[in-house]
Amino acid sequence: MRWLKFFFSGVLTLALLGLLLFPVGSTPPLGPLLNPFSGFWQNGVPPTETRPATLDLPGLQAPVTVLYDERDVPHIFANNDHDLYYAQGYVVAQDRLWQMEFQVRAAAGRLAEVVGAGPDSVILNRDRRMRRLGMVYGAERSLAEMMEDPLSRLALEAYAEGINAYLAQLDEASLPLEYKLLNYRPEPWTPLHTAIFLKNMSLTLAGSVNDLEETQALAYWGK
């Protein structure tokens, strides 16, 4: 009977190691997530933590002041437009990196790359629908027009530089929690990412196809 105990202990140990080291379906390996030195434990924000009021980063032409009000809204003070948009990209990435990057993936039809096809291929089918809409193609066309304008080009490129400056500071411990849960890393930001994000916002805010029904309801029911 003793060998049975060793056998089952070995099987359980191997199963546990498998869960820690290898993904199961769309579930990422638990080992990196539970790692006390770089896992989700490191994403807790100390209640006394304060952000520096001055940004002095590679790529800035001069130091930039960022002041946060009582609602944690940043107010950016820069000496030139380049540094203003650079700091804007850096500050937004600090607070919303995964959200903005995930929205770009959703708009570009690339969600299945990081979350899998989903039950009954629901995620994959959504990606196909977004690609059929031509979101990336439309963003590329819009970006080409925007890059013709010197001021727009400056803003787009500096904004991307600021986001990438924040990305360059991330290590396994400081990586936002969502990336640890989904087991992937953010890709470098480009002006095309910004253009895709803008197209996605346009679709969200002005892509409704209910105008006819709503007009008829208004005519029937009145205000």
Foldseek 3Di string as FASTA:
>chain_A
DVVVVVVVVVVVVVVLVCQQCQADQQFGRCVLQPPCQQHPVLQDDPPPDDDDQWDDFPPDPDIKGWDADPVRDTDIDDDDLLNRLLQVLQVCCVPQVVVLLVLLCLLQLNPCVQRNLDVVSPSNVSSVVSVVVVLLVVLVVVVVVQCVDVSSVSNLASSLNNNVRNLVPDDSRNQDNVCNRRVHHGDRDHSSSVSSSVSSVCCVPPVDPCVVVVVVVCVVVPD
